[in-house]
Amino acid sequence: MRVNPFIFITQPENLKSEAMTLISKFLLILFLTFNFLPAQVWQGLNFVSEIRDLPAKSSASHEKRRQQILRNMEKAMGRLPDRSNLPSFDIKIIDSVMEDRFTRYTLSFVVAENERLPVYLYVPKQRGTIQRIPAMLVLHGTSVLGKGVVDGQGPLSNRAHARELAERGYVVIAPDYPSFGDLKDHNFDTDRYESATMQAIFNHMRCVDLLQSRPDVDPENIGVIGHSLGGHNAMFVAAFDTRLKVAVSSSGWTQFEYYNIGEEGSKKYGGKLGPWAQTRYMPLIRTKYKLDAKLIPFNFDDIIAAIAPRAFFSVSPLKDANFDVNGVREGILLAEKVYNNLGAADMLQVRYPDAGHDFPVENRKEVYGFLDRTLGHTPLYAPVK
């Protein structure tokens, strides 16, 4: 006789035991399912709202994305030079100025063979045993004065953040950017870099090397800050150098498609992205990417994503004529997703002051407080003016 295998004939006296067996099997299946079914499946089906091991998986995935962003940046900037077997610093002190809270040294040091970098180094005064304290890399904006700007030597107010941070008790290093300050005679035609932007990234990473070598610097608590040119250079170096725990950009960026220097500026530089393609910045944006934002292989939200989950603070004025605030808002919305996925939403901060291309006092005060908290610094009393 042929028996249908899907028909079960059960005697009445066995019903209770059969039912208990089925219930036990069902509970076992539920247990195995909830414990061993891949988390991604449950997340997709909305059965769970949070998987405990998701951050680790997200971190691994994020690092892969970060490396791709860096490769894309190198397509427009040139490759980051090899950082192995770097020469000794061979520091040469040119002069020093003692002030109430710190000593400012003017010096240069070797970043690579036949390459010296002029910087200001601010060393706060300490009493008793020398303690390791947080440090800041401070990057200047577009000015013939170079590093002198962040020392407060220029005519513009709200630019002396190197001096202010030194007064606050940070060890501070402030380098010149190629073609400014003591590098005013830099020859781009004879250097080894495809862009001055990449040269600056390399130089700024060497500044971090120098800071970490000092006995008065906490090597785990170093940040970077800049305004305008220094603002996007702070973002660039922070993307490449994970030793930088926090990055601050003031009036330093917008999404490329929103960048606008006006009709006259566009005529002068051959297109609205022309300033980015100057010899002193990224010439490949013109020669390789035709000043077309759609062709450039990275954007500023990518750079912020490469900084994540480390701290990033953007001060982006509403009336900045170059860095359109609408492009900032768009970039921040994209970057927020990355920070949220990494469980670091509070590490991404942005402020929109009602100002032009500036770094207002109130915003600097808030930024400095953010730096103190992020870097574990107890500030000396130092008013921001």
Protein backbone atom coordinates (compact mmCIF):
# COMPACT_ATOMS: atom_id res chain seq x y z
CA MET A 1 0.00 0.00 0.00
CA ARG A 2 1.32 3.45 -0.96
CA VAL A 3 1.41 5.91 1.97
CA ASN A 4 1.30 9.65 1.54
CA PRO A 5 4.27 10.91 3.59
CA PHE A 6 2.53 14.22 4.35
CA ILE A 7 -0.40 12.60 6.13
CA PHE A 8 0.15 11.78 9.77
CA ILE A 9 -2.28 9.42 11.51
CA THR A 10 -2.12 9.82 15.24
CA GLN A 11 -3.91 7.76 17.86
CA PRO A 12 -5.90 9.81 20.40
CA GLU A 13 -3.77 8.63 23.35
CA ASN A 14 -0.65 9.97 21.59
CA LEU A 15 -2.06 13.41 20.82
CA LYS A 16 -0.70 15.03 23.98
CA SER A 17 2.84 13.71 23.56
CA GLU A 18 2.83 14.54 19.85
CA ALA A 19 1.75 18.09 20.59
CA MET A 20 4.47 18.52 23.20
CA THR A 21 7.06 17.21 20.73
CA LEU A 22 5.92 19.65 18.04
CA ILE A 23 5.99 22.56 20.47
CA SER A 24 9.50 21.61 21.58
CA LYS A 25 10.69 21.42 17.99
CA PHE A 26 9.08 24.78 17.19
CA LEU A 27 10.77 26.45 20.16
CA LEU A 28 14.10 24.93 19.16
CA ILE A 29 13.68 26.30 15.64
CA LEU A 30 12.90 29.74 17.02
CA PHE A 31 15.97 29.62 19.27
CA LEU A 32 18.29 28.61 16.44
CA THR A 33 16.78 31.15 14.07
CA PHE A 34 17.14 34.13 16.39
CA ASN A 35 20.67 33.17 17.37
CA PHE A 36 22.19 32.09 14.08
CA LEU A 37 20.35 33.75 11.21
CA PRO A 38 22.64 36.45 9.75
CA ALA A 39 22.00 39.86 11.28
CA GLN A 40 21.76 41.47 7.85
CA VAL A 41 18.69 39.33 7.07
CA TRP A 42 16.87 40.35 10.23
CA GLN A 43 17.79 43.99 9.67
CA GLY A 44 16.42 43.83 6.16
CA LEU A 45 13.17 42.30 7.41
CA ASN A 46 12.94 44.90 10.19
CA PHE A 47 12.77 42.21 12.85
CA VAL A 48 15.53 43.87 14.83
CA SER A 49 16.40 47.53 15.13
CA GLU A 50 19.95 47.16 16.35
CA ILE A 51 22.59 44.47 15.95
CA ARG A 52 25.32 44.65 18.53
CA ASP A 53 28.11 43.58 16.20
CA LEU A 54 27.06 45.97 13.42
CA PRO A 55 29.48 48.76 14.43
CA ALA A 56 32.50 46.49 14.00
CA LYS A 57 31.26 45.34 10.60
CA SER A 58 30.52 48.95 9.67
CA SER A 59 34.02 50.00 10.74
CA ALA A 60 35.64 47.41 8.49
CA SER A 61 33.44 48.43 5.61
CA HIS A 62 34.09 52.10 6.33
CA GLU A 63 37.86 51.67 6.26
CA LYS A 64 37.55 50.07 2.84
CA ARG A 65 35.54 53.06 1.67
CA ARG A 66 38.03 55.45 3.26
CA GLN A 67 40.91 53.90 1.35
CA GLN A 68 38.96 54.28 -1.90
CA ILE A 69 38.33 57.96 -1.13
CA LEU A 70 42.05 58.50 -0.55
CA ARG A 71 42.87 56.84 -3.86
CA ASN A 72 40.35 59.10 -5.58
CA MET A 73 41.87 62.17 -3.94
CA GLU A 74 45.27 61.07 -5.21
CA LYS A 75 43.88 60.92 -8.75
CA ALA A 76 43.42 64.70 -8.61
CA MET A 77 46.30 65.57 -6.26
CA GLY A 78 48.99 63.05 -7.15
CA ARG A 79 50.25 60.21 -5.00
CA LEU A 80 51.22 60.74 -1.39
CA PRO A 81 55.00 60.19 -1.33
CA ASP A 82 56.42 57.20 0.49
CA ARG A 83 56.73 57.96 4.20
CA SER A 84 59.14 55.17 5.08
CA ASN A 85 62.81 55.87 5.81
CA LEU A 86 62.25 59.58 6.37
CA PRO A 87 65.31 61.68 7.27
CA SER A 88 65.95 63.21 10.69
CA PHE A 89 64.37 66.60 11.33
CA ASP A 90 67.65 68.58 11.52
CA ILE A 91 65.83 71.44 13.26
CA LYS A 92 67.31 74.90 12.73
CA ILE A 93 66.04 77.60 15.07
CA ILE A 94 66.11 81.05 13.49
CA ASP A 95 64.82 83.06 16.43
CA SER A 96 62.58 82.90 19.48
CA VAL A 97 60.19 85.28 21.18
CA MET A 98 59.26 84.80 24.84
CA GLU A 99 55.79 85.90 25.86
CA ASP A 100 53.82 85.60 29.08
CA ARG A 101 52.29 82.19 28.36
CA PHE A 102 54.52 80.66 25.68
CA THR A 103 57.68 80.90 23.63
CA ARG A 104 57.30 81.20 19.87
CA TYR A 105 60.14 79.69 17.87
CA THR A 106 60.75 80.46 14.21
CA LEU A 107 62.45 77.40 12.78
CA SER A 108 62.74 75.07 9.82
CA PHE A 109 63.10 71.31 9.66
CA VAL A 110 63.70 68.64 7.04
CA VAL A 111 60.56 67.02 5.66
CA ALA A 112 62.34 65.06 2.91
CA GLU A 113 65.68 65.06 1.15
CA ASN A 114 66.41 68.61 -0.08
CA GLU A 115 63.12 69.86 1.37
CA ARG A 116 62.89 72.11 4.43
CA LEU A 117 59.69 73.49 5.92
CA PRO A 118 59.57 76.85 7.77
CA VAL A 119 57.20 76.92 10.73
CA TYR A 120 56.29 78.71 13.92
CA LEU A 121 56.42 76.45 16.96
CA TYR A 122 54.63 77.68 20.08
CA VAL A 123 55.66 76.03 23.35
CA PRO A 124 53.54 76.86 26.42
CA LYS A 125 55.36 77.56 29.66
CA GLN A 126 55.11 74.73 32.19
CA ARG A 127 56.09 74.75 35.82
CA GLY A 128 57.87 71.84 37.45
CA THR A 129 58.02 68.49 35.66
CA ILE A 130 57.28 68.75 31.96
CA GLN A 131 53.91 67.19 31.17
CA ARG A 132 52.68 65.79 27.88
CA ILE A 133 49.93 68.09 26.63
CA PRO A 134 47.70 68.18 23.53
CA ALA A 135 48.96 69.87 20.39
CA MET A 136 47.45 71.59 17.35
CA LEU A 137 48.52 71.90 13.73
CA VAL A 138 47.33 75.35 12.59
CA LEU A 139 47.08 76.11 8.85
CA HIS A 140 46.91 79.64 7.45
CA GLY A 141 44.65 81.07 4.77
CA THR A 142 45.57 82.72 1.48
CA SER A 143 48.01 85.51 2.36
CA VAL A 144 51.51 86.60 1.44
CA LEU A 145 52.21 86.53 5.18
CA GLY A 146 51.76 82.77 5.32
CA LYS A 147 52.04 81.54 8.90
CA GLY A 148 52.24 85.15 10.07
CA VAL A 149 48.48 85.40 9.58
CA VAL A 150 47.67 82.84 12.29
CA ASP A 151 50.09 84.66 14.59
CA GLY A 152 47.92 87.78 14.29
CA GLN A 153 50.34 89.76 12.13
CA GLY A 154 47.91 90.58 9.32
CA PRO A 155 45.33 93.38 9.05
CA LEU A 156 42.34 91.04 9.40
CA SER A 157 40.84 90.22 12.76
CA ASN A 158 39.73 86.69 13.72
CA ARG A 159 42.78 85.00 12.19
CA ALA A 160 45.19 84.59 15.13
CA HIS A 161 44.11 81.08 16.09
CA ALA A 162 47.69 79.76 16.43
CA ARG A 163 48.47 82.41 19.03
CA GLU A 164 45.11 81.94 20.76
CA LEU A 165 45.57 78.18 21.05
CA ALA A 166 49.12 78.63 22.38
CA GLU A 167 47.78 81.04 25.01
CA ARG A 168 45.21 78.40 25.84
CA GLY A 169 48.04 75.98 26.66
CA TYR A 170 48.45 73.90 23.48
CA VAL A 171 51.75 73.14 21.80
CA VAL A 172 51.15 74.62 18.33
CA ILE A 173 52.92 74.22 15.00
CA ALA A 174 52.05 76.57 12.11
CA PRO A 175 53.77 75.90 8.75
CA ASP A 176 53.94 77.94 5.57
CA TYR A 177 52.08 76.73 2.48
CA PRO A 178 54.11 76.65 -0.76
CA SER A 179 54.18 80.15 -2.40
CA PHE A 180 53.34 81.97 0.86
CA GLY A 181 55.37 83.30 3.77
CA ASP A 182 58.94 82.04 3.80
CA LEU A 183 58.05 79.71 0.92
CA LYS A 184 57.06 82.65 -1.30
CA ASP A 185 59.76 81.76 -3.86
CA HIS A 186 58.83 78.09 -4.13
CA ASN A 187 59.29 76.72 -7.67
CA PHE A 188 56.43 74.40 -8.57
CA ASP A 189 58.10 73.45 -11.86
CA THR A 190 61.04 71.79 -10.15
CA ASP A 191 59.48 70.07 -7.13
CA ARG A 192 58.55 66.37 -7.08
CA TYR A 193 54.82 66.79 -6.50
CA GLU A 194 51.90 66.68 -8.92
CA SER A 195 50.14 69.33 -6.88
CA ALA A 196 50.94 71.81 -4.13
CA THR A 197 47.94 70.38 -2.32
CA MET A 198 49.67 67.01 -2.02
CA GLN A 199 52.94 68.69 -1.09
CA ALA A 200 51.09 70.44 1.73
CA ILE A 201 49.53 67.17 2.90
CA PHE A 202 52.98 65.59 3.05
CA ASN A 203 54.43 68.63 4.86
CA HIS A 204 51.58 68.71 7.34
CA MET A 205 51.97 65.02 8.12
CA ARG A 206 55.64 65.73 8.82
CA CYS A 207 54.49 68.45 11.24
CA VAL A 208 52.54 65.76 13.09
CA ASP A 209 55.71 63.62 13.09
CA LEU A 210 57.60 66.49 14.70
CA LEU A 211 54.91 67.09 17.31
CA GLN A 212 54.82 63.41 18.25
CA SER A 213 58.59 63.40 18.69
CA ARG A 214 58.45 66.06 21.40
CA PRO A 215 58.52 65.08 25.09
CA ASP A 216 55.94 67.77 25.93
CA VAL A 217 53.30 66.56 23.44
CA ASP A 218 50.66 63.93 24.08
CA PRO A 219 50.98 61.91 20.84
CA GLU A 220 47.42 60.61 21.10
CA ASN A 221 45.82 64.05 21.31
CA ILE A 222 46.69 66.15 18.28
CA GLY A 223 44.26 68.14 16.13
CA VAL A 224 44.28 70.40 13.09
CA ILE A 225 42.51 73.70 12.41
CA GLY A 226 42.47 76.17 9.54
CA HIS A 227 40.57 79.00 7.90
CA SER A 228 39.85 79.35 4.15
CA LEU A 229 42.84 77.76 2.36
CA GLY A 230 43.80 76.41 5.76
CA GLY A 231 40.25 75.16 6.23
CA HIS A 232 40.28 72.76 3.32
CA ASN A 233 43.92 71.87 3.89
CA ALA A 234 42.93 70.83 7.43
CA MET A 235 40.33 68.52 5.93
CA PHE A 236 42.78 67.10 3.38
CA VAL A 237 45.47 66.19 5.89
CA ALA A 238 42.95 64.83 8.40
CA ALA A 239 41.59 62.49 5.72
CA PHE A 240 45.05 61.03 5.14
CA ASP A 241 46.43 61.14 8.70
CA THR A 242 44.43 59.23 11.30
CA ARG A 243 46.75 60.47 14.05
CA LEU A 244 44.76 63.70 13.92
CA LYS A 245 41.96 63.22 16.42
CA VAL A 246 39.95 66.30 15.44
CA ALA A 247 39.77 68.62 12.43
CA VAL A 248 38.26 72.11 12.27
CA SER A 249 37.52 73.92 9.02
CA SER A 250 36.42 77.56 8.98
CA SER A 251 35.12 78.97 5.69
CA GLY A 252 37.01 76.18 3.97
CA TRP A 253 34.71 74.16 1.78
CA THR A 254 31.52 73.54 -0.13
CA GLN A 255 30.59 70.79 -2.55
CA PHE A 256 32.47 71.42 -5.81
CA GLU A 257 29.28 71.97 -7.80
CA TYR A 258 28.35 74.86 -5.49
CA TYR A 259 31.72 76.64 -5.55
CA ASN A 260 31.31 80.07 -7.11
CA ILE A 261 33.72 82.99 -7.50
CA GLY A 262 31.34 85.06 -9.58
CA GLU A 263 31.32 85.95 -13.27
CA GLU A 264 34.50 88.05 -13.20
CA GLY A 265 36.40 85.39 -11.31
CA SER A 266 35.21 82.69 -13.67
CA LYS A 267 36.47 84.71 -16.63
CA LYS A 268 39.82 85.30 -14.92
CA TYR A 269 40.41 81.62 -14.15
CA GLY A 270 38.69 80.10 -17.16
CA GLY A 271 35.77 78.62 -15.26
CA LYS A 272 34.16 78.70 -11.85
CA LEU A 273 36.42 75.90 -10.60
CA GLY A 274 39.47 77.61 -12.07
CA PRO A 275 40.89 78.75 -8.70
CA TRP A 276 41.12 75.11 -7.58
CA ALA A 277 43.24 74.36 -10.67
CA GLN A 278 45.92 77.01 -10.11
CA THR A 279 49.53 75.86 -10.05
CA ARG A 280 49.58 76.39 -6.29
CA TYR A 281 46.62 74.04 -5.79
CA MET A 282 45.50 71.14 -8.03
CA PRO A 283 46.34 71.69 -11.74
CA LEU A 284 44.88 68.29 -12.69
CA ILE A 285 41.42 69.68 -12.01
CA ARG A 286 41.91 71.65 -15.22
CA THR A 287 44.13 69.41 -17.34
CA LYS A 288 42.56 66.06 -16.44
CA TYR A 289 39.07 66.89 -15.19
CA LYS A 290 38.26 69.90 -17.40
CA LEU A 291 37.02 72.06 -14.50
CA ASP A 292 33.94 69.84 -14.38
CA ALA A 293 32.66 69.04 -10.89
CA LYS A 294 31.00 65.89 -12.21
CA LEU A 295 34.35 64.52 -13.39
CA ILE A 296 36.39 65.23 -10.24
CA PRO A 297 36.70 61.83 -8.51
CA PHE A 298 35.99 63.11 -4.98
CA ASN A 299 33.90 65.71 -3.23
CA PHE A 300 34.00 67.28 0.18
CA ASP A 301 31.41 65.00 1.73
CA ASP A 302 33.79 62.16 0.81
CA ILE A 303 36.61 63.91 2.65
CA ILE A 304 34.46 64.29 5.77
CA ALA A 305 33.53 60.61 5.44
CA ALA A 306 37.25 59.76 5.36
CA ILE A 307 37.73 61.72 8.58
CA ALA A 308 34.87 59.86 10.31
CA PRO A 309 34.42 58.68 12.99
CA ARG A 310 37.01 61.18 14.26
CA ALA A 311 35.76 64.62 15.23
CA PHE A 312 35.05 67.22 12.55
CA PHE A 313 33.77 70.77 13.20
CA SER A 314 32.81 73.05 10.33
CA VAL A 315 32.20 76.79 10.69
CA SER A 316 30.44 77.74 7.46
CA PRO A 317 29.13 81.33 7.29
CA LEU A 318 25.80 82.03 5.63
CA LYS A 319 27.25 84.87 3.52
CA ASP A 320 30.51 83.26 2.38
CA ALA A 321 30.85 84.43 -1.23
CA ASN A 322 33.12 81.56 -2.27
CA PHE A 323 31.97 78.56 -0.28
CA ASP A 324 28.22 78.51 -0.84
CA VAL A 325 26.45 77.46 2.35
CA ASN A 326 23.91 75.42 0.37
CA GLY A 327 26.71 73.14 -0.77
CA VAL A 328 27.85 72.83 2.83
CA ARG A 329 24.37 71.83 3.95
CA GLU A 330 24.20 69.20 1.22
CA GLY A 331 27.61 67.82 2.10
CA ILE A 332 26.79 67.69 5.80
CA LEU A 333 23.59 65.75 5.13
CA LEU A 334 25.59 63.13 3.26
CA ALA A 335 28.32 63.02 5.91
CA GLU A 336 25.79 62.68 8.73
CA LYS A 337 24.77 59.28 7.39
CA VAL A 338 28.34 58.07 7.72
CA TYR A 339 28.77 59.38 11.27
CA ASN A 340 25.40 57.95 12.29
CA ASN A 341 26.26 54.52 10.88
CA LEU A 342 29.52 54.56 12.85
CA GLY A 343 27.75 55.55 16.06
CA ALA A 344 29.59 58.89 16.20
CA ALA A 345 26.86 61.43 15.46
CA ASP A 346 28.13 63.86 18.12
CA MET A 347 31.58 63.93 16.49
CA LEU A 348 30.22 65.85 13.49
CA GLN A 349 29.44 69.50 14.25
CA VAL A 350 28.58 72.45 11.99
CA ARG A 351 27.72 76.07 12.68
CA TYR A 352 26.30 78.62 10.25
CA PRO A 353 27.16 82.11 11.55
CA ASP A 354 25.49 85.13 9.98
CA ALA A 355 28.77 86.39 8.55
CA GLY A 356 30.89 86.50 5.42
CA HIS A 357 34.20 84.73 4.81
CA ASP A 358 35.28 84.89 8.44
CA PHE A 359 35.95 82.97 11.67
CA PRO A 360 33.85 84.93 14.19
CA VAL A 361 34.80 85.22 17.85
CA GLU A 362 31.81 83.31 19.20
CA ASN A 363 32.48 80.41 16.86
CA ARG A 364 36.15 80.29 17.81
CA LYS A 365 35.18 80.16 21.48
CA GLU A 366 32.87 77.23 20.81
CA VAL A 367 35.45 75.48 18.62
CA TYR A 368 38.15 75.84 21.27
CA GLY A 369 35.83 74.32 23.86
CA PHE A 370 35.14 71.45 21.48
CA LEU A 371 38.90 70.94 21.02
CA ASP A 372 39.43 70.96 24.79
CA ARG A 373 36.81 68.27 25.32
CA THR A 374 37.91 66.13 22.40
CA LEU A 375 41.62 66.29 23.22
CA GLY A 376 41.22 66.11 26.99
CA HIS A 377 42.79 69.50 27.56
CA THR A 378 42.36 71.73 30.60
CA PRO A 379 42.85 75.22 29.15
CA LEU A 380 44.77 78.04 30.69
CA TYR A 381 42.75 81.22 31.05
CA ALA A 382 43.06 82.96 27.71
CA PRO A 383 40.34 85.31 26.45
CA VAL A 384 39.41 85.14 22.77
CA LYS A 385 39.21 88.65 21.32
